[in-house]
Amino acid sequence: MKIKNVQKFVNWMGTEGPICHSKLEFFDIVFGDFYSFR
């Protein structure tokens, strides 16, 4: 994914996306340990 797409996606997750816990789980699953926020 390109940086702009990631930024748009993160903005969507923060506004219309799932709750915080689900958001962290999603990033942990998709991006793995490198982007683990937990």
Protein backbone atom coordinates (compact mmCIF):
# COMPACT_ATOMS: atom_id res chain seq x y z
CA MET A 1 0.00 0.00 0.00
CA LYS A 2 1.13 3.51 -0.75
CA ILE A 3 1.59 6.02 2.06
CA LYS A 4 -1.36 8.17 0.97
CA ASN A 5 -3.64 5.14 0.93
CA VAL A 6 -2.46 4.16 4.40
CA GLN A 7 -3.14 7.66 5.72
CA LYS A 8 -6.64 7.68 4.22
CA PHE A 9 -7.27 4.22 5.62
CA VAL A 10 -6.07 5.20 9.10
CA ASN A 11 -8.32 8.27 8.98
CA TRP A 12 -11.25 6.05 8.02
CA MET A 13 -10.48 3.61 10.82
CA GLY A 14 -10.42 6.51 13.30
CA THR A 15 -13.77 7.93 12.19
CA GLU A 16 -16.00 5.29 10.59
CA GLY A 17 -14.02 2.16 11.41
CA PRO A 18 -14.32 -0.29 14.30
CA ILE A 19 -13.64 0.56 17.92
CA CYS A 20 -10.08 1.09 19.18
CA HIS A 21 -9.44 -2.49 20.31
CA SER A 22 -10.57 -3.91 16.97
CA LYS A 23 -8.47 -1.30 15.19
CA LEU A 24 -5.34 -2.39 17.06
CA GLU A 25 -6.13 -6.05 16.39
CA PHE A 26 -6.60 -5.29 12.70
CA PHE A 27 -3.26 -3.52 12.36
CA ASP A 28 -1.56 -6.28 14.34
CA ILE A 29 -2.96 -8.90 11.97
CA VAL A 30 -2.37 -7.02 8.72
CA PHE A 31 0.99 -5.39 9.38
CA GLY A 32 2.37 -7.85 11.93
CA ASP A 33 4.92 -7.09 14.62
CA PHE A 34 6.42 -4.14 12.72
CA TYR A 35 3.26 -2.08 13.20
CA SER A 36 2.11 -3.65 16.47
CA PHE A 37 0.55 -0.95 18.65
CA ARG A 38 -0.13 -3.21 21.63
